[in-house]
PDB file of N, CA and C in Angstrom:
ATOM      1  N   MET A   1     -45.875 -28.276   2.649  1.00  0.00           N
ATOM      2  CA  MET A   1     -44.721 -27.427   3.508  1.00  0.00           C
ATOM      3  C   MET A   1     -43.533 -26.811   2.367  1.00  0.00           C
ATOM      4  N   ALA A   2     -43.525 -25.459   2.485  1.00  0.00           N
ATOM      5  CA  ALA A   2     -42.141 -24.614   1.189  1.00  0.00           C
ATOM      6  C   ALA A   2     -40.888 -25.090   1.846  1.00  0.00           C
ATOM      7  N   GLU A   3     -39.928 -25.504   1.062  1.00  0.00           N
ATOM      8  CA  GLU A   3     -38.743 -25.561   1.826  1.00  0.00           C
ATOM      9  C   GLU A   3     -37.816 -24.266   2.104  1.00  0.00           C
ATOM     10  N   GLU A   4     -37.318 -24.143   3.071  1.00  0.00           N
ATOM     11  CA  GLU A   4     -36.927 -22.979   3.780  1.00  0.00           C
ATOM     12  C   GLU A   4     -35.629 -22.766   2.816  1.00  0.00           C
ATOM     13  N   ILE A   5     -35.989 -21.503   2.561  1.00  0.00           N
ATOM     14  CA  ILE A   5     -34.654 -20.588   1.887  1.00  0.00           C
ATOM     15  C   ILE A   5     -33.276 -20.348   2.585  1.00  0.00           C
ATOM     16  N   LYS A   6     -32.547 -20.906   2.306  1.00  0.00           N
ATOM     17  CA  LYS A   6     -31.347 -20.528   3.243  1.00  0.00           C
ATOM     18  C   LYS A   6     -30.690 -19.011   2.731  1.00  0.00           C
ATOM     19  N   ARG A   7     -30.345 -18.121   3.883  1.00  0.00           N
ATOM     20  CA  ARG A   7     -30.497 -16.989   3.560  1.00  0.00           C
ATOM     21  C   ARG A   7     -28.518 -16.853   4.002  1.00  0.00           C
ATOM     22  N   ASP A   8     -27.780 -17.407   4.489  1.00  0.00           N
ATOM     23  CA  ASP A   8     -26.835 -17.104   4.841  1.00  0.00           C
ATOM     24  C   ASP A   8     -25.727 -18.212   4.028  1.00  0.00           C
ATOM     25  N   LEU A   9     -24.029 -17.971   4.563  1.00  0.00           N
ATOM     26  CA  LEU A   9     -22.698 -18.514   3.959  1.00  0.00           C
ATOM     27  C   LEU A   9     -22.723 -19.892   4.748  1.00  0.00           C
ATOM     28  N   LYS A  10     -22.271 -20.855   4.064  1.00  0.00           N
ATOM     29  CA  LYS A  10     -22.201 -22.054   4.242  1.00  0.00           C
ATOM     30  C   LYS A  10     -21.687 -21.999   5.862  1.00  0.00           C
ATOM     31  N   PRO A  11     -21.945 -22.383   7.021  1.00  0.00           N
ATOM     32  CA  PRO A  11     -20.743 -22.257   8.087  1.00  0.00           C
ATOM     33  C   PRO A  11     -19.661 -22.388   8.437  1.00  0.00           C
ATOM     34  N   GLU A  12     -19.013 -23.144   7.213  1.00  0.00           N
ATOM     35  CA  GLU A  12     -17.692 -23.253   7.490  1.00  0.00           C
ATOM     36  C   GLU A  12     -16.812 -22.278   6.505  1.00  0.00           C
ATOM     37  N   VAL A  13     -17.794 -21.811   5.829  1.00  0.00           N
ATOM     38  CA  VAL A  13     -17.593 -20.089   4.866  1.00  0.00           C
ATOM     39  C   VAL A  13     -17.626 -18.528   5.859  1.00  0.00           C
ATOM     40  N   ALA A  14     -18.699 -18.821   6.660  1.00  0.00           N
ATOM     41  CA  ALA A  14     -19.113 -17.736   7.721  1.00  0.00           C
ATOM     42  C   ALA A  14     -17.842 -18.051   8.514  1.00  0.00           C
ATOM     43  N   GLU A  15     -17.085 -18.831   8.826  1.00  0.00           N
ATOM     44  CA  GLU A  15     -16.084 -19.409  10.024  1.00  0.00           C
ATOM     45  C   GLU A  15     -14.992 -18.275   9.592  1.00  0.00           C
ATOM     46  N   LYS A  16     -14.792 -18.363   8.646  1.00  0.00           N
ATOM     47  CA  LYS A  16     -13.568 -18.083   7.690  1.00  0.00           C
ATOM     48  C   LYS A  16     -13.561 -16.095   7.321  1.00  0.00           C
ATOM     49  N   TYR A  17     -14.512 -16.045   6.577  1.00  0.00           N
ATOM     50  CA  TYR A  17     -15.486 -15.217   5.878  1.00  0.00           C
ATOM     51  C   TYR A  17     -16.292 -14.386   6.324  1.00  0.00           C
ATOM     52  N   LYS A  18     -16.283 -12.818   5.665  1.00  0.00           N
ATOM     53  CA  LYS A  18     -17.528 -12.109   6.391  1.00  0.00           C
ATOM     54  C   LYS A  18     -17.908 -11.503   5.018  1.00  0.00           C
ATOM     55  N   LEU A  19     -19.304 -10.970   4.486  1.00  0.00           N
ATOM     56  CA  LEU A  19     -19.508 -10.705   3.337  1.00  0.00           C
ATOM     57  C   LEU A  19     -19.094  -9.101   3.307  1.00  0.00           C
ATOM     58  N   LYS A  20     -19.162  -8.176   2.092  1.00  0.00           N
ATOM     59  CA  LYS A  20     -18.780  -6.814   2.264  1.00  0.00           C
ATOM     60  C   LYS A  20     -19.665  -6.524   1.514  1.00  0.00           C
ATOM     61  N   THR A  21     -20.430  -5.742   1.573  1.00  0.00           N
ATOM     62  CA  THR A  21     -21.589  -4.862   1.102  1.00  0.00           C
ATOM     63  C   THR A  21     -22.609  -5.533   0.533  1.00  0.00           C
ATOM     64  N   ILE A  22     -22.730  -7.180   0.367  1.00  0.00           N
ATOM     65  CA  ILE A  22     -23.695  -7.647  -0.104  1.00  0.00           C
ATOM     66  C   ILE A  22     -24.472  -8.955   0.598  1.00  0.00           C
ATOM     67  N   ARG A  23     -25.511  -9.341   0.621  1.00  0.00           N
ATOM     68  CA  ARG A  23     -26.254 -10.227   1.295  1.00  0.00           C
ATOM     69  C   ARG A  23     -25.754 -11.413   0.694  1.00  0.00           C
ATOM     70  N   ALA A  24     -25.630 -12.880   1.451  1.00  0.00           N
ATOM     71  CA  ALA A  24     -25.412 -14.125   0.718  1.00  0.00           C
ATOM     72  C   ALA A  24     -26.687 -13.954  -0.073  1.00  0.00           C
ATOM     73  N   GLY A  25     -26.721 -14.899  -1.375  1.00  0.00           N
ATOM     74  CA  GLY A  25     -27.974 -15.123  -2.086  1.00  0.00           C
ATOM     75  C   GLY A  25     -27.219 -15.239  -3.806  1.00  0.00           C
ATOM     76  N   LYS A  26     -27.688 -15.192  -5.120  1.00  0.00           N
ATOM     77  CA  LYS A  26     -27.189 -15.663  -6.336  1.00  0.00           C
ATOM     78  C   LYS A  26     -27.208 -14.047  -6.908  1.00  0.00           C
ATOM     79  N   TYR A  27     -25.938 -14.243  -7.230  1.00  0.00           N
ATOM     80  CA  TYR A  27     -25.609 -12.863  -8.205  1.00  0.00           C
ATOM     81  C   TYR A  27     -24.930 -13.130  -9.627  1.00  0.00           C
ATOM     82  N   LYS A  28     -24.894 -12.362 -10.366  1.00  0.00           N
ATOM     83  CA  LYS A  28     -24.284 -12.358 -11.710  1.00  0.00           C
ATOM     84  C   LYS A  28     -22.892 -11.533 -11.408  1.00  0.00           C
ATOM     85  N   PHE A  29     -21.951 -11.696 -11.265  1.00  0.00           N
ATOM     86  CA  PHE A  29     -20.632 -10.938 -11.352  1.00  0.00           C
ATOM     87  C   PHE A  29     -19.920 -10.922 -12.984  1.00  0.00           C
ATOM     88  N   ALA A  30     -19.230  -9.750 -13.104  1.00  0.00           N
ATOM     89  CA  ALA A  30     -18.756  -9.441 -14.248  1.00  0.00           C
ATOM     90  C   ALA A  30     -17.778 -10.648 -14.681  1.00  0.00           C
ATOM     91  N   LYS A  31     -16.681 -10.711 -13.635  1.00  0.00           N
ATOM     92  CA  LYS A  31     -15.472 -10.961 -13.902  1.00  0.00           C
ATOM     93  C   LYS A  31     -15.529 -12.578 -12.920  1.00  0.00           C
ATOM     94  N   PHE A  32     -16.596 -13.068 -12.441  1.00  0.00           N
ATOM     95  CA  PHE A  32     -16.628 -14.227 -11.771  1.00  0.00           C
ATOM     96  C   PHE A  32     -17.865 -14.928 -12.270  1.00  0.00           C
ATOM     97  N   GLY A  33     -19.041 -14.229 -13.548  1.00  0.00           N
ATOM     98  CA  GLY A  33     -20.310 -15.551 -13.555  1.00  0.00           C
ATOM     99  C   GLY A  33     -20.937 -15.114 -12.182  1.00  0.00           C
ATOM    100  N   GLU A  34     -21.987 -16.324 -12.768  1.00  0.00           N
ATOM    101  CA  GLU A  34     -23.113 -16.154 -11.700  1.00  0.00           C
ATOM    102  C   GLU A  34     -22.533 -17.148 -10.372  1.00  0.00           C
ATOM    103  N   ILE A  35     -22.940 -16.980  -9.141  1.00  0.00           N
ATOM    104  CA  ILE A  35     -22.558 -17.260  -7.796  1.00  0.00           C
ATOM    105  C   ILE A  35     -23.337 -17.408  -7.033  1.00  0.00           C
ATOM    106  N   ASP A  36     -23.851 -18.390  -6.296  1.00  0.00           N
ATOM    107  CA  ASP A  36     -25.004 -18.090  -5.070  1.00  0.00           C
ATOM    108  C   ASP A  36     -23.916 -18.216  -3.657  1.00  0.00           C
ATOM    109  N   LEU A  37     -23.814 -17.088  -2.930  1.00  0.00           N
ATOM    110  CA  LEU A  37     -22.803 -17.635  -2.200  1.00  0.00           C
ATOM    111  C   LEU A  37     -23.691 -17.933  -1.082  1.00  0.00           C
ATOM    112  N   ARG A  38     -24.288 -18.350  -1.115  1.00  0.00           N
ATOM    113  CA  ARG A  38     -25.139 -19.459   0.073  1.00  0.00           C
ATOM    114  C   ARG A  38     -25.024 -21.168  -0.430  1.00  0.00           C
ATOM    115  N   LEU A  39     -24.231 -21.315  -1.484  1.00  0.00           N
ATOM    116  CA  LEU A  39     -23.698 -22.576  -1.290  1.00  0.00           C
ATOM    117  C   LEU A  39     -22.477 -22.881  -1.859  1.00  0.00           C
ATOM    118  N   ILE A  40     -21.519 -21.710  -1.900  1.00  0.00           N
ATOM    119  CA  ILE A  40     -20.535 -22.258  -2.383  1.00  0.00           C
ATOM    120  C   ILE A  40     -19.735 -22.282  -0.993  1.00  0.00           C
ATOM    121  N   ASP A  41     -18.442 -23.818  -1.318  1.00  0.00           N
ATOM    122  CA  ASP A  41     -18.085 -24.234   0.266  1.00  0.00           C
ATOM    123  C   ASP A  41     -16.831 -23.577   0.225  1.00  0.00           C
ATOM    124  N   LEU A  42     -15.809 -23.701   1.234  1.00  0.00           N
ATOM    125  CA  LEU A  42     -14.703 -23.034   1.616  1.00  0.00           C
ATOM    126  C   LEU A  42     -13.474 -23.036   0.540  1.00  0.00           C
ATOM    127  N   LYS A  43     -13.359 -24.083  -0.304  1.00  0.00           N
ATOM    128  CA  LYS A  43     -12.471 -23.904  -1.426  1.00  0.00           C
ATOM    129  C   LYS A  43     -12.887 -23.223  -2.469  1.00  0.00           C
ATOM    130  N   LYS A  44     -13.964 -22.838  -2.558  1.00  0.00           N
ATOM    131  CA  LYS A  44     -14.451 -22.248  -3.860  1.00  0.00           C
ATOM    132  C   LYS A  44     -14.297 -20.695  -3.121  1.00  0.00           C
ATOM    133  N   ALA A  45     -14.636 -20.251  -2.008  1.00  0.00           N
ATOM    134  CA  ALA A  45     -14.363 -18.961  -1.249  1.00  0.00           C
ATOM    135  C   ALA A  45     -13.201 -18.760  -1.243  1.00  0.00           C
ATOM    136  N   ASP A  46     -12.295 -19.411  -1.037  1.00  0.00           N
ATOM    137  CA  ASP A  46     -10.676 -19.323  -1.050  1.00  0.00           C
ATOM    138  C   ASP A  46     -10.559 -18.930  -2.292  1.00  0.00           C
ATOM    139  N   ALA A  47     -10.958 -19.634  -3.520  1.00  0.00           N
ATOM    140  CA  ALA A  47     -10.224 -19.397  -4.840  1.00  0.00           C
ATOM    141  C   ALA A  47     -10.685 -17.985  -5.038  1.00  0.00           C
ATOM    142  N   LEU A  48     -12.105 -17.591  -5.078  1.00  0.00           N
ATOM    143  CA  LEU A  48     -12.582 -16.244  -5.139  1.00  0.00           C
ATOM    144  C   LEU A  48     -12.146 -15.270  -4.325  1.00  0.00           C
ATOM    145  N   VAL A  49     -11.486 -15.738  -3.453  1.00  0.00           N
ATOM    146  CA  VAL A  49     -10.744 -14.401  -2.759  1.00  0.00           C
ATOM    147  C   VAL A  49      -9.285 -14.120  -3.084  1.00  0.00           C
ATOM    148  N   ALA A  50      -8.563 -15.134  -3.694  1.00  0.00           N
ATOM    149  CA  ALA A  50      -7.186 -15.067  -4.091  1.00  0.00           C
ATOM    150  C   ALA A  50      -7.518 -14.622  -5.201  1.00  0.00           C
ATOM    151  N   ASN A  51      -8.763 -14.706  -6.242  1.00  0.00           N
ATOM    152  CA  ASN A  51      -8.533 -13.855  -7.311  1.00  0.00           C
ATOM    153  C   ASN A  51      -9.553 -12.496  -7.755  1.00  0.00           C
ATOM    154  N   GLY A  52      -9.724 -11.978  -6.316  1.00  0.00           N
ATOM    155  CA  GLY A  52      -9.858 -10.532  -6.181  1.00  0.00           C
ATOM    156  C   GLY A  52     -11.124 -10.583  -5.645  1.00  0.00           C
ATOM    157  N   PHE A  53     -11.933 -11.445  -5.669  1.00  0.00           N
ATOM    158  CA  PHE A  53     -13.481 -11.054  -5.241  1.00  0.00           C
ATOM    159  C   PHE A  53     -13.370 -10.530  -4.010  1.00  0.00           C
ATOM    160  N   GLN A  54     -14.267  -9.299  -3.948  1.00  0.00           N
ATOM    161  CA  GLN A  54     -14.094  -8.136  -3.471  1.00  0.00           C
ATOM    162  C   GLN A  54     -15.185  -7.989  -1.982  1.00  0.00           C
ATOM    163  N   TYR A  55     -16.418  -8.832  -2.591  1.00  0.00           N
ATOM    164  CA  TYR A  55     -17.318  -9.155  -1.766  1.00  0.00           C
ATOM    165  C   TYR A  55     -16.870 -10.275  -0.117  1.00  0.00           C
ATOM    166  N   LEU A  56     -16.270 -10.878  -0.272  1.00  0.00           N
ATOM    167  CA  LEU A  56     -16.054 -11.529   0.816  1.00  0.00           C
ATOM    168  C   LEU A  56     -14.395 -11.189   1.492  1.00  0.00           C
ATOM    169  N   GLU A  57     -14.381 -11.518   2.497  1.00  0.00           N
ATOM    170  CA  GLU A  57     -13.338 -10.496   3.593  1.00  0.00           C
ATOM    171  C   GLU A  57     -13.087 -11.330   4.576  1.00  0.00           C
ATOM    172  N   LEU A  58     -11.618 -11.559   4.744  1.00  0.00           N
ATOM    173  CA  LEU A  58     -11.148 -12.532   6.041  1.00  0.00           C
ATOM    174  C   LEU A  58     -11.746 -12.035   7.327  1.00  0.00           C
ATOM    175  N   LYS A  59     -12.250 -12.971   8.089  1.00  0.00           N
ATOM    176  CA  LYS A  59     -12.498 -12.007   9.657  1.00  0.00           C
ATOM    177  C   LYS A  59     -11.139 -12.386  10.145  1.00  0.00           C
ATOM    178  N   LYS A  60     -10.982 -10.983  11.030  1.00  0.00           N
ATOM    179  CA  LYS A  60     -10.073 -10.969  12.045  1.00  0.00           C
ATOM    180  C   LYS A  60      -9.768 -12.133  13.264  1.00  0.00           C
ATOM    181  N   VAL A  61      -8.712 -12.400  13.157  1.00  0.00           N
ATOM    182  CA  VAL A  61      -8.793 -13.844  14.400  1.00  0.00           C
ATOM    183  C   VAL A  61      -8.387 -13.101  15.265  1.00  0.00           C
ATOM    184  N   GLU A  62      -9.317 -13.355  16.619  1.00  0.00           N
ATOM    185  CA  GLU A  62      -8.924 -12.755  17.685  1.00  0.00           C
ATOM    186  C   GLU A  62      -7.655 -13.417  19.035  1.00  0.00           C
ATOM    187  N   LYS A  63      -6.622 -12.633  18.794  1.00  0.00           N
ATOM    188  CA  LYS A  63      -5.923 -13.759  19.519  1.00  0.00           C
ATOM    189  C   LYS A  63      -6.000 -13.824  20.764  1.00  0.00           C
ATOM    190  N   ALA A  64      -6.355 -14.895  21.234  1.00  0.00           N
ATOM    191  CA  ALA A  64      -6.080 -15.282  23.153  1.00  0.00           C
ATOM    192  C   ALA A  64      -5.440 -14.820  23.699  1.00  0.00           C
ATOM    193  N   GLU A  65      -5.267 -14.224  24.659  1.00  0.00           N
ATOM    194  CA  GLU A  65      -4.299 -14.178  25.683  1.00  0.00           C
ATOM    195  C   GLU A  65      -3.909 -15.391  25.902  1.00  0.00           C
ATOM    196  N   PRO A  66      -2.405 -14.976  26.483  1.00  0.00           N
ATOM    197  CA  PRO A  66      -1.689 -16.302  27.208  1.00  0.00           C
ATOM    198  C   PRO A  66      -2.054 -16.491  28.628  1.00  0.00           C
ATOM    199  N   SER A  67      -2.231 -17.935  28.747  1.00  0.00           N
ATOM    200  CA  SER A  67      -1.918 -17.822  30.396  1.00  0.00           C
ATOM    201  C   SER A  67      -0.954 -17.321  31.143  1.00  0.00           C
ATOM    202  N   GLU A  68      -1.384 -17.986  32.310  1.00  0.00           N
ATOM    203  CA  GLU A  68      -0.062 -17.346  33.019  1.00  0.00           C
ATOM    204  C   GLU A  68       0.690 -18.011  33.122  1.00  0.00           C
ATOM    205  N   GLU A  69       0.544 -19.433  32.599  1.00  0.00           N
ATOM    206  CA  GLU A  69       1.992 -20.273  32.679  1.00  0.00           C
ATOM    207  C   GLU A  69       2.537 -20.125  31.198  1.00  0.00           C
ATOM    208  N   GLU A  70       1.837 -19.736  30.503  1.00  0.00           N
ATOM    209  CA  GLU A  70       2.648 -19.701  29.387  1.00  0.00           C
ATOM    210  C   GLU A  70       3.761 -18.238  29.515  1.00  0.00           C
ATOM    211  N   LEU A  71       3.104 -17.301  29.821  1.00  0.00           N
ATOM    212  CA  LEU A  71       3.734 -15.731  30.411  1.00  0.00           C
ATOM    213  C   LEU A  71       5.000 -16.259  31.468  1.00  0.00           C
ATOM    214  N   ALA A  72       4.590 -17.011  32.325  1.00  0.00           N
ATOM    215  CA  ALA A  72       6.214 -17.597  33.249  1.00  0.00           C
ATOM    216  C   ALA A  72       7.371 -17.926  32.173  1.00  0.00           C
ATOM    217  N   GLU A  73       6.634 -19.224  31.370  1.00  0.00           N
ATOM    218  CA  GLU A  73       7.574 -20.077  30.166  1.00  0.00           C
ATOM    219  C   GLU A  73       8.615 -18.557  29.432  1.00  0.00           C
ATOM    220  N   LEU A  74       7.835 -17.865  29.029  1.00  0.00           N
ATOM    221  CA  LEU A  74       8.156 -16.791  28.053  1.00  0.00           C
ATOM    222  C   LEU A  74       9.221 -16.016  28.810  1.00  0.00           C
ATOM    223  N   ALA A  75       8.978 -15.907  30.260  1.00  0.00           N
ATOM    224  CA  ALA A  75       9.865 -14.848  31.280  1.00  0.00           C
ATOM    225  C   ALA A  75      11.149 -15.721  31.616  1.00  0.00           C
ATOM    226  N   ALA A  76      10.865 -16.761  31.647  1.00  0.00           N
ATOM    227  CA  ALA A  76      12.323 -17.757  31.881  1.00  0.00           C
ATOM    228  C   ALA A  76      12.546 -17.889  30.902  1.00  0.00           C
ATOM    229  N   ALA A  77      12.263 -18.127  29.599  1.00  0.00           N
ATOM    230  CA  ALA A  77      13.145 -17.980  28.478  1.00  0.00           C
ATOM    231  C   ALA A  77      13.637 -16.776  28.066  1.00  0.00           C
ATOM    232  N   LYS A  78      13.033 -15.469  28.576  1.00  0.00           N
ATOM    233  CA  LYS A  78      13.719 -14.221  28.170  1.00  0.00           C
ATOM    234  C   LYS A  78      14.831 -14.425  29.131  1.00  0.00           C
ATOM    235  N   GLU A  79      14.656 -14.576  30.578  1.00  0.00           N
ATOM    236  CA  GLU A  79      15.740 -14.410  31.310  1.00  0.00           C
ATOM    237  C   GLU A  79      17.059 -15.421  31.033  1.00  0.00           C
ATOM    238  N   ALA A  80      16.686 -16.717  30.741  1.00  0.00           N
ATOM    239  CA  ALA A  80      17.726 -17.440  30.106  1.00  0.00           C
ATOM    240  C   ALA A  80      18.468 -16.937  28.562  1.00  0.00           C
ATOM    241  N   ALA A  81      17.828 -16.028  27.923  1.00  0.00           N
ATOM    242  CA  ALA A  81      18.472 -15.618  27.235  1.00  0.00           C
ATOM    243  C   ALA A  81      19.589 -14.604  27.429  1.00  0.00           C
ATOM    244  N   ALA A  82      19.093 -13.754  28.239  1.00  0.00           N
ATOM    245  CA  ALA A  82      19.829 -12.684  28.390  1.00  0.00           C
ATOM    246  C   ALA A  82      20.925 -13.304  29.564  1.00  0.00           C
ATOM    247  N   ALA A  83      21.044 -14.213  30.457  1.00  0.00           N
ATOM    248  CA  ALA A  83      22.398 -14.953  30.924  1.00  0.00           C
ATOM    249  C   ALA A  83      23.105 -15.312  29.853  1.00  0.00           C
ATOM    250  N   GLU A  84      22.493 -15.839  28.759  1.00  0.00           N
ATOM    251  CA  GLU A  84      23.408 -16.613  27.858  1.00  0.00           C
ATOM    252  C   GLU A  84      23.931 -15.024  27.150  1.00  0.00           C
ATOM    253  N   LYS A  85      23.660 -14.505  27.054  1.00  0.00           N
ATOM    254  CA  LYS A  85      23.873 -13.481  25.883  1.00  0.00           C
ATOM    255  C   LYS A  85      24.986 -13.048  27.277  1.00  0.00           C
ATOM    256  N   ALA A  86      24.679 -12.386  28.010  1.00  0.00           N
ATOM    257  CA  ALA A  86      25.767 -11.891  29.022  1.00  0.00           C
ATOM    258  C   ALA A  86      26.830 -12.422  29.513  1.00  0.00           C
ATOM    259  N   ALA A  87      26.491 -14.301  29.564  1.00  0.00           N
ATOM    260  CA  ALA A  87      28.201 -14.832  29.587  1.00  0.00           C
ATOM    261  C   ALA A  87      28.583 -14.982  28.451  1.00  0.00           C
ATOM    262  N   ALA A  88      28.023 -15.202  27.374  1.00  0.00           N
ATOM    263  CA  ALA A  88      28.454 -14.652  26.049  1.00  0.00           C
ATOM    264  C   ALA A  88      29.774 -13.583  25.841  1.00  0.00           C
ATOM    265  N   LYS A  89      29.016 -12.376  26.355  1.00  0.00           N
ATOM    266  CA  LYS A  89      29.855 -11.006  26.269  1.00  0.00           C
ATOM    267  C   LYS A  89      31.063 -11.074  27.276  1.00  0.00           C
ATOM    268  N   ILE A  90      30.859 -11.757  28.686  1.00  0.00           N
ATOM    269  CA  ILE A  90      32.045 -11.815  29.506  1.00  0.00           C
ATOM    270  C   ILE A  90      32.927 -12.704  29.153  1.00  0.00           C
ATOM    271  N   ALA A  91      32.783 -14.004  28.333  1.00  0.00           N
ATOM    272  CA  ALA A  91      33.803 -14.816  27.534  1.00  0.00           C
ATOM    273  C   ALA A  91      34.565 -13.855  26.433  1.00  0.00           C
ATOM    274  N   ALA A  92      33.661 -13.456  25.777  1.00  0.00           N
ATOM    275  CA  ALA A  92      34.279 -12.379  24.570  1.00  0.00           C
ATOM    276  C   ALA A  92      35.573 -11.254  25.054  1.00  0.00           C
ATOM    277  N   LYS A  93      35.047 -10.804  26.542  1.00  0.00           N
ATOM    278  CA  LYS A  93      35.876  -9.603  27.081  1.00  0.00           C
ATOM    279  C   LYS A  93      37.280 -10.417  27.249  1.00  0.00           C
ATOM    280  N   GLU A  94      36.964 -11.657  28.329  1.00  0.00           N
ATOM    281  CA  GLU A  94      37.940 -12.326  28.751  1.00  0.00           C
ATOM    282  C   GLU A  94      39.224 -12.908  27.760  1.00  0.00           C
ATOM    283  N   ALA A  95      38.831 -13.290  26.673  1.00  0.00           N
ATOM    284  CA  ALA A  95      39.384 -13.580  25.671  1.00  0.00           C
ATOM    285  C   ALA A  95      40.186 -12.905  25.195  1.00  0.00           C
ATOM    286  N   ALA A  96      39.637 -11.409  25.142  1.00  0.00           N
ATOM    287  CA  ALA A  96      40.240 -10.538  24.397  1.00  0.00           C
ATOM    288  C   ALA A  96      41.222  -9.446  24.912  1.00  0.00           C
ATOM    289  N   ALA A  97      41.075  -9.612  26.667  1.00  0.00           N
ATOM    290  CA  ALA A  97      41.921  -9.445  27.422  1.00  0.00           C
ATOM    291  C   ALA A  97      43.266 -10.313  27.513  1.00  0.00           C
ATOM    292  N   LYS A  98      43.196 -11.877  27.194  1.00  0.00           N
ATOM    293  CA  LYS A  98      43.964 -12.632  26.899  1.00  0.00           C
ATOM    294  C   LYS A  98      44.989 -12.531  25.872  1.00  0.00           C
ATOM    295  N   ALA A  99      44.280 -12.529  24.972  1.00  0.00           N
ATOM    296  CA  ALA A  99      45.005 -12.185  23.747  1.00  0.00           C
ATOM    297  C   ALA A  99      45.657 -10.699  23.696  1.00  0.00           C
ATOM    298  N   ALA A 100      45.031  -9.556  24.609  1.00  0.00           N
ATOM    299  CA  ALA A 100      45.750  -8.216  24.770  1.00  0.00           C
ATOM    300  C   ALA A 100      47.237  -8.740  25.521  1.00  0.00           C
ATOM    301  N   LYS A 101      46.879  -9.541  26.097  1.00  0.00           N
ATOM    302  CA  LYS A 101      48.240  -9.429  27.151  1.00  0.00           C
ATOM    303  C   LYS A 101      49.439 -10.449  26.482  1.00  0.00           C
ATOM    304  N   LYS A 102      49.124 -10.966  25.426  1.00  0.00           N
ATOM    305  CA  LYS A 102      50.227 -12.033  25.338  1.00  0.00           C
ATOM    306  C   LYS A 102      51.029 -11.339  23.806  1.00  0.00           C
TER     307      LYS A 102
END
């Protein structure tokens, strides 16, 4: 029975990066030397990308929609901030009016 040939990036690497313009495999790069993209770990992939390796691209992270509870908390925080700002504005006007009377 022949050993199965791995044809993709390691799962930990594929979770963070996607390949651009090439397939996973063994290549010889002028700047980076011989690399088998099927065998590199996440640390090596991060190092390659940090050094300008153009064939690995960060995957875009999809931002999850906020839950109704998170939206309610955000709205409450915005209202509290607006009320605090209004109170500070009133206090400043009152202080200015007192200072003008003196």
